[in-house]
Amino acid sequence: MTNWVHEAATVNPRYHDYDVAYYECVYVLLEHENEFLKNLFKNANQK
């Protein structure tokens, strides 16, 4: 988050910085899990 460009604060924001950081972490975790499961499936189907 240190490289993010901070915009001027609004009265009623749609999201907060910590929400974005959390969901970015969740997204990266799901990407890694998906890659792991695809590799597991590929290895299980090899003869």
PDB file of N, CA and C in Angstrom:
ATOM      1  N   MET A   1       0.812  -1.205   0.000  1.00  0.00           N
ATOM      2  CA  MET A   1       0.000   0.000   0.000  1.00  0.00           C
ATOM      3  C   MET A   1       0.851   1.262   0.000  1.00  0.00           C
ATOM      4  N   THR A   2       2.134   1.139   0.202  1.00  0.00           N
ATOM      5  CA  THR A   2       2.971   2.340   0.273  1.00  0.00           C
ATOM      6  C   THR A   2       3.130   3.013  -1.082  1.00  0.00           C
ATOM      7  N   ASN A   3       2.954   2.268  -2.171  1.00  0.00           N
ATOM      8  CA  ASN A   3       3.096   2.846  -3.507  1.00  0.00           C
ATOM      9  C   ASN A   3       1.781   3.337  -4.094  1.00  0.00           C
ATOM     10  N   TRP A   4       0.696   3.231  -3.341  1.00  0.00           N
ATOM     11  CA  TRP A   4      -0.590   3.661  -3.846  1.00  0.00           C
ATOM     12  C   TRP A   4      -0.675   5.178  -3.877  1.00  0.00           C
ATOM     13  N   VAL A   5      -1.396   5.687  -4.850  1.00  0.00           N
ATOM     14  CA  VAL A   5      -1.652   7.123  -4.936  1.00  0.00           C
ATOM     15  C   VAL A   5      -2.921   7.403  -4.137  1.00  0.00           C
ATOM     16  N   HIS A   6      -2.789   8.262  -3.146  1.00  0.00           N
ATOM     17  CA  HIS A   6      -3.948   8.582  -2.308  1.00  0.00           C
ATOM     18  C   HIS A   6      -4.708   9.756  -2.903  1.00  0.00           C
ATOM     19  N   GLU A   7      -5.998   9.574  -3.022  1.00  0.00           N
ATOM     20  CA  GLU A   7      -6.856  10.625  -3.540  1.00  0.00           C
ATOM     21  C   GLU A   7      -7.434  11.411  -2.373  1.00  0.00           C
ATOM     22  N   ALA A   8      -8.025  12.530  -2.692  1.00  0.00           N
ATOM     23  CA  ALA A   8      -8.663  13.343  -1.651  1.00  0.00           C
ATOM     24  C   ALA A   8      -9.828  12.559  -1.044  1.00  0.00           C
ATOM     25  N   ALA A   9      -9.959  12.636   0.247  1.00  0.00           N
ATOM     26  CA  ALA A   9     -11.027  11.914   0.942  1.00  0.00           C
ATOM     27  C   ALA A   9     -12.383  12.494   0.578  1.00  0.00           C
ATOM     28  N   THR A  10     -13.346  11.617   0.377  1.00  0.00           N
ATOM     29  CA  THR A  10     -14.708  12.052   0.081  1.00  0.00           C
ATOM     30  C   THR A  10     -15.561  11.915   1.328  1.00  0.00           C
ATOM     31  N   VAL A  11     -16.729  12.489   1.279  1.00  0.00           N
ATOM     32  CA  VAL A  11     -17.625  12.464   2.437  1.00  0.00           C
ATOM     33  C   VAL A  11     -18.144  11.049   2.687  1.00  0.00           C
ATOM     34  N   ASN A  12     -18.537  10.364   1.620  1.00  0.00           N
ATOM     35  CA  ASN A  12     -19.097   9.020   1.757  1.00  0.00           C
ATOM     36  C   ASN A  12     -18.397   8.094   0.756  1.00  0.00           C
ATOM     37  N   PRO A  13     -17.228   7.580   1.092  1.00  0.00           N
ATOM     38  CA  PRO A  13     -16.477   6.763   0.125  1.00  0.00           C
ATOM     39  C   PRO A  13     -17.151   5.424  -0.132  1.00  0.00           C
ATOM     40  N   ARG A  14     -16.952   4.911  -1.349  1.00  0.00           N
ATOM     41  CA  ARG A  14     -17.485   3.590  -1.702  1.00  0.00           C
ATOM     42  C   ARG A  14     -16.673   2.494  -1.040  1.00  0.00           C
ATOM     43  N   TYR A  15     -15.420   2.751  -0.779  1.00  0.00           N
ATOM     44  CA  TYR A  15     -14.537   1.772  -0.150  1.00  0.00           C
ATOM     45  C   TYR A  15     -13.437   2.506   0.594  1.00  0.00           C
ATOM     46  N   HIS A  16     -12.762   1.797   1.459  1.00  0.00           N
ATOM     47  CA  HIS A  16     -11.653   2.358   2.225  1.00  0.00           C
ATOM     48  C   HIS A  16     -10.383   1.618   1.832  1.00  0.00           C
ATOM     49  N   ASP A  17      -9.239   2.214   2.115  1.00  0.00           N
ATOM     50  CA  ASP A  17      -7.954   1.615   1.740  1.00  0.00           C
ATOM     51  C   ASP A  17      -7.792   0.222   2.329  1.00  0.00           C
ATOM     52  N   TYR A  18      -8.176   0.038   3.589  1.00  0.00           N
ATOM     53  CA  TYR A  18      -7.986  -1.267   4.211  1.00  0.00           C
ATOM     54  C   TYR A  18      -8.892  -2.323   3.593  1.00  0.00           C
ATOM     55  N   ASP A  19     -10.063  -1.920   3.075  1.00  0.00           N
ATOM     56  CA  ASP A  19     -10.929  -2.872   2.370  1.00  0.00           C
ATOM     57  C   ASP A  19     -10.247  -3.349   1.089  1.00  0.00           C
ATOM     58  N   VAL A  20      -9.666  -2.427   0.357  1.00  0.00           N
ATOM     59  CA  VAL A  20      -8.997  -2.769  -0.890  1.00  0.00           C
ATOM     60  C   VAL A  20      -7.795  -3.662  -0.621  1.00  0.00           C
ATOM     61  N   ALA A  21      -7.020  -3.345   0.398  1.00  0.00           N
ATOM     62  CA  ALA A  21      -5.846  -4.157   0.734  1.00  0.00           C
ATOM     63  C   ALA A  21      -6.271  -5.568   1.129  1.00  0.00           C
ATOM     64  N   TYR A  22      -7.344  -5.701   1.889  1.00  0.00           N
ATOM     65  CA  TYR A  22      -7.836  -7.015   2.304  1.00  0.00           C
ATOM     66  C   TYR A  22      -8.250  -7.842   1.092  1.00  0.00           C
ATOM     67  N   TYR A  23      -9.061  -7.260   0.211  1.00  0.00           N
ATOM     68  CA  TYR A  23      -9.542  -8.010  -0.935  1.00  0.00           C
ATOM     69  C   TYR A  23      -8.438  -8.282  -1.948  1.00  0.00           C
ATOM     70  N   GLU A  24      -7.426  -7.452  -1.987  1.00  0.00           N
ATOM     71  CA  GLU A  24      -6.268  -7.746  -2.821  1.00  0.00           C
ATOM     72  C   GLU A  24      -5.551  -8.985  -2.285  1.00  0.00           C
ATOM     73  N   CYS A  25      -5.403  -9.088  -0.982  1.00  0.00           N
ATOM     74  CA  CYS A  25      -4.786 -10.266  -0.363  1.00  0.00           C
ATOM     75  C   CYS A  25      -5.612 -11.519  -0.620  1.00  0.00           C
ATOM     76  N   VAL A  26      -6.931 -11.399  -0.502  1.00  0.00           N
ATOM     77  CA  VAL A  26      -7.812 -12.542  -0.765  1.00  0.00           C
ATOM     78  C   VAL A  26      -7.674 -12.982  -2.212  1.00  0.00           C
ATOM     79  N   TYR A  27      -7.627 -12.024  -3.131  1.00  0.00           N
ATOM     80  CA  TYR A  27      -7.502 -12.342  -4.549  1.00  0.00           C
ATOM     81  C   TYR A  27      -6.195 -13.072  -4.833  1.00  0.00           C
ATOM     82  N   VAL A  28      -5.101 -12.602  -4.280  1.00  0.00           N
ATOM     83  CA  VAL A  28      -3.795 -13.233  -4.499  1.00  0.00           C
ATOM     84  C   VAL A  28      -3.788 -14.642  -3.912  1.00  0.00           C
ATOM     85  N   LEU A  29      -4.373 -14.808  -2.735  1.00  0.00           N
ATOM     86  CA  LEU A  29      -4.453 -16.136  -2.123  1.00  0.00           C
ATOM     87  C   LEU A  29      -5.255 -17.091  -3.002  1.00  0.00           C
ATOM     88  N   LEU A  30      -6.379 -16.636  -3.535  1.00  0.00           N
ATOM     89  CA  LEU A  30      -7.192 -17.490  -4.394  1.00  0.00           C
ATOM     90  C   LEU A  30      -6.471 -17.828  -5.699  1.00  0.00           C
ATOM     91  N   GLU A  31      -5.689 -16.892  -6.217  1.00  0.00           N
ATOM     92  CA  GLU A  31      -4.883 -17.183  -7.408  1.00  0.00           C
ATOM     93  C   GLU A  31      -3.898 -18.309  -7.138  1.00  0.00           C
ATOM     94  N   HIS A  32      -3.206 -18.242  -6.000  1.00  0.00           N
ATOM     95  CA  HIS A  32      -2.238 -19.278  -5.648  1.00  0.00           C
ATOM     96  C   HIS A  32      -2.915 -20.623  -5.399  1.00  0.00           C
ATOM     97  N   GLU A  33      -4.059 -20.608  -4.739  1.00  0.00           N
ATOM     98  CA  GLU A  33      -4.790 -21.853  -4.506  1.00  0.00           C
ATOM     99  C   GLU A  33      -5.230 -22.471  -5.825  1.00  0.00           C
ATOM    100  N   ASN A  34      -5.705 -21.632  -6.739  1.00  0.00           N
ATOM    101  CA  ASN A  34      -6.144 -22.121  -8.036  1.00  0.00           C
ATOM    102  C   ASN A  34      -4.980 -22.743  -8.808  1.00  0.00           C
ATOM    103  N   GLU A  35      -3.833 -22.091  -8.788  1.00  0.00           N
ATOM    104  CA  GLU A  35      -2.653 -22.627  -9.461  1.00  0.00           C
ATOM    105  C   GLU A  35      -2.234 -23.959  -8.840  1.00  0.00           C
ATOM    106  N   PHE A  36      -2.245 -24.044  -7.518  1.00  0.00           N
ATOM    107  CA  PHE A  36      -1.887 -25.276  -6.823  1.00  0.00           C
ATOM    108  C   PHE A  36      -2.843 -26.409  -7.191  1.00  0.00           C
ATOM    109  N   LEU A  37      -4.136 -26.125  -7.185  1.00  0.00           N
ATOM    110  CA  LEU A  37      -5.125 -27.161  -7.483  1.00  0.00           C
ATOM    111  C   LEU A  37      -5.049 -27.608  -8.939  1.00  0.00           C
ATOM    112  N   LYS A  38      -4.787 -26.683  -9.848  1.00  0.00           N
ATOM    113  CA  LYS A  38      -4.619 -27.070 -11.251  1.00  0.00           C
ATOM    114  C   LYS A  38      -3.414 -27.985 -11.415  1.00  0.00           C
ATOM    115  N   ASN A  39      -2.301 -27.655 -10.747  1.00  0.00           N
ATOM    116  CA  ASN A  39      -1.114 -28.506 -10.822  1.00  0.00           C
ATOM    117  C   ASN A  39      -1.366 -29.866 -10.191  1.00  0.00           C
ATOM    118  N   LEU A  40      -2.086 -29.894  -9.087  1.00  0.00           N
ATOM    119  CA  LEU A  40      -2.426 -31.147  -8.425  1.00  0.00           C
ATOM    120  C   LEU A  40      -3.277 -32.018  -9.338  1.00  0.00           C
ATOM    121  N   PHE A  41      -4.268 -31.418  -9.986  1.00  0.00           N
ATOM    122  CA  PHE A  41      -5.133 -32.144 -10.903  1.00  0.00           C
ATOM    123  C   PHE A  41      -4.338 -32.671 -12.098  1.00  0.00           C
ATOM    124  N   LYS A  42      -3.453 -31.824 -12.637  1.00  0.00           N
ATOM    125  CA  LYS A  42      -2.635 -32.239 -13.781  1.00  0.00           C
ATOM    126  C   LYS A  42      -1.729 -33.409 -13.396  1.00  0.00           C
ATOM    127  N   ASN A  43      -1.118 -33.348 -12.227  1.00  0.00           N
ATOM    128  CA  ASN A  43      -0.226 -34.419 -11.780  1.00  0.00           C
ATOM    129  C   ASN A  43      -0.990 -35.697 -11.459  1.00  0.00           C
ATOM    130  N   ALA A  44      -2.200 -35.583 -10.958  1.00  0.00           N
ATOM    131  CA  ALA A  44      -3.006 -36.762 -10.627  1.00  0.00           C
ATOM    132  C   ALA A  44      -3.475 -37.486 -11.883  1.00  0.00           C
ATOM    133  N   ASN A  45      -3.611 -36.758 -12.995  1.00  0.00           N
ATOM    134  CA  ASN A  45      -4.093 -37.373 -14.230  1.00  0.00           C
ATOM    135  C   ASN A  45      -2.980 -37.870 -15.135  1.00  0.00           C
ATOM    136  N   GLN A  46      -1.729 -37.705 -14.735  1.00  0.00           N
ATOM    137  CA  GLN A  46      -0.621 -38.227 -15.520  1.00  0.00           C
ATOM    138  C   GLN A  46      -0.478 -39.720 -15.257  1.00  0.00           C
ATOM    139  N   LYS A  47      -0.099 -40.446 -16.277  1.00  0.00           N
ATOM    140  CA  LYS A  47       0.045 -41.904 -16.134  1.00  0.00           C
ATOM    141  C   LYS A  47       1.434 -42.262 -15.738  1.00  0.00           C
TER     142      LYS A  47
END
